[in-house]
Protein backbone atom coordinates (compact mmCIF):
# COMPACT_ATOMS: atom_id res chain seq x y z
CA MET A 1 14.29 17.10 6.23
CA ALA A 2 10.96 15.23 6.54
CA ASP A 3 9.04 16.17 9.91
CA LYS A 4 5.51 16.83 9.41
CA LYS A 5 2.79 13.68 8.86
CA THR A 6 2.60 15.05 5.47
CA ASP A 7 6.20 14.57 4.22
CA TYR A 8 5.59 10.42 4.41
CA GLY A 9 3.24 8.53 2.50
CA LEU A 10 3.57 5.24 0.84
CA LEU A 11 4.72 3.56 -1.79
CA ILE A 12 2.47 0.88 -3.81
CA HIS A 13 4.29 -1.39 -6.55
CA TYR A 14 0.86 -2.55 -7.54
CA GLU A 15 2.49 -4.77 -11.06
CA TYR A 16 3.51 -7.70 -8.52
CA CYS A 17 1.26 -7.68 -5.94
CA THR A 18 -0.30 -11.48 -5.66
CA GLY A 19 -4.08 -10.64 -4.06
CA CYS A 20 -3.21 -12.65 -1.10
CA PHE A 21 -5.05 -9.54 0.61
CA THR A 22 -2.61 -9.83 3.48
CA CYS A 23 -2.14 -6.19 4.10
CA MET A 24 -5.91 -5.40 4.52
CA ILE A 25 -6.40 -8.23 7.27
CA ALA A 26 -3.32 -6.72 9.01
CA CYS A 27 -3.73 -3.03 8.97
CA SER A 28 -7.57 -4.39 10.58
CA GLN A 29 -5.71 -6.89 13.63
CA GLU A 30 -2.78 -4.01 13.86
CA HIS A 31 -6.47 -1.52 14.92
CA ASN A 32 -8.59 -4.46 16.31
CA TRP A 33 -10.91 -3.21 13.36
CA PRO A 34 -14.02 -6.00 12.78
CA ALA A 35 -13.63 -8.10 9.00
CA GLY A 36 -14.04 -5.85 6.35
CA MET A 37 -12.68 -2.46 8.05
CA ALA A 38 -9.26 -1.47 6.90
CA GLY A 39 -6.77 1.88 6.32
CA MET A 40 -5.61 -0.74 3.24
CA LYS A 41 -8.21 -2.32 0.64
CA VAL A 42 -6.79 -4.45 -2.47
CA MET A 43 -9.32 -4.02 -5.74
CA GLU A 44 -8.75 -6.39 -8.53
CA VAL A 45 -9.31 -5.38 -11.93
CA MET A 46 -9.77 -7.73 -15.48
CA GLN A 47 -8.74 -6.08 -18.67
CA ASP A 48 -9.91 -8.22 -21.79
CA LEU A 49 -7.09 -8.20 -24.04
CA PRO A 50 -6.54 -9.76 -27.76
CA LYS A 51 -7.17 -13.23 -28.60
CA ASP A 52 -9.78 -13.46 -25.84
CA LYS A 53 -6.96 -13.23 -23.61
CA ALA A 54 -7.49 -11.57 -19.76
CA TYR A 55 -5.16 -9.41 -17.80
CA LEU A 56 -5.78 -9.83 -14.12
CA ALA A 57 -4.28 -7.03 -11.97
CA TYR A 58 -4.49 -7.08 -8.32
CA ILE A 59 -4.74 -2.88 -6.57
CA PRO A 60 -3.78 -2.24 -3.11
CA PHE A 61 -4.77 1.30 -2.29
CA PRO A 62 -5.51 2.91 0.74
CA THR A 63 -9.48 4.12 2.77
CA GLU A 64 -9.32 7.10 4.39
CA LEU A 65 -8.81 5.08 7.02
CA CYS A 66 -5.36 5.02 6.85
CA VAL A 67 -3.45 6.82 9.52
CA LEU A 68 0.22 5.54 8.31
CA CYS A 69 0.25 3.34 11.72
CA ALA A 70 1.62 6.03 13.40
CA GLY A 71 1.51 4.19 16.86
CA ARG A 72 4.12 1.85 15.21
CA VAL A 73 6.01 3.96 13.34
CA LYS A 74 6.28 6.22 16.47
CA LYS A 75 8.57 2.86 17.89
CA GLY A 76 10.54 2.53 14.81
CA LEU A 77 8.47 -0.05 12.65
CA LYS A 78 7.31 0.01 9.40
CA PRO A 79 3.26 -0.13 9.47
CA ALA A 80 1.17 -3.24 9.13
CA CYS A 81 0.64 -3.38 5.44
CA VAL A 82 4.34 -2.96 4.55
CA GLN A 83 5.45 -4.89 7.60
CA HIS A 84 3.43 -8.17 6.35
CA CYS A 85 3.05 -7.64 2.37
CA MET A 86 4.13 -10.39 1.39
CA ALA A 87 5.18 -9.63 -2.09
CA ASN A 88 6.83 -6.53 -1.02
CA CYS A 89 5.16 -4.42 -2.92
CA ILE A 90 4.61 -1.62 -0.22
CA THR A 91 7.24 1.08 0.85
CA HIS A 92 7.29 3.60 3.81
CA GLY A 93 8.84 6.55 3.80
CA THR A 94 9.89 9.99 2.95
CA ILE A 95 7.26 11.48 0.18
CA GLU A 96 10.57 12.76 -1.25
CA GLU A 97 12.79 9.17 -0.95
CA LEU A 98 9.40 7.78 -2.80
CA SER A 99 9.33 9.35 -5.66
CA LYS A 100 13.00 9.25 -6.27
CA GLU A 101 12.14 5.69 -6.08
CA MET A 102 9.26 5.06 -8.13
CA LYS A 103 11.69 6.98 -11.48
CA GLY A 104 11.66 4.07 -13.94
CA LYS A 105 9.26 1.94 -12.56
CA LYS A 106 5.75 1.17 -13.95
CA ARG A 107 2.63 1.05 -12.08
CA THR A 108 3.76 2.21 -8.92
CA VAL A 109 0.71 4.76 -7.08
CA LEU A 110 2.79 6.86 -4.82
CA TRP A 111 0.51 8.29 -2.32
CA ASN A 112 0.25 10.63 0.68
CA PRO A 113 -2.80 10.58 3.52
CA ASN A 114 -3.24 14.13 3.29
């Protein structure tokens, strides 16, 4: 049974991220930080493909400021980035649960703050 902060994390299924940046904004607002400062960032990656085509991906990733919204979670709420993710591609839970959920899924990242 998970009872330590280190037992929790985020599963980011970035294949479905649309690059809306809502996770960043929600985090900034939750912690009353200035614009551009957040526990979540979204990286835009452009990959050149054959035949003059390109693939654009958005990859949300936690920064060193992320504390998994400990205050919200303590109240039984989801972290702000999870709550407001419009593509529903960020999940919060125990590392054990999240690692099971990511099996067989492409383009996922399991993040633990410690």
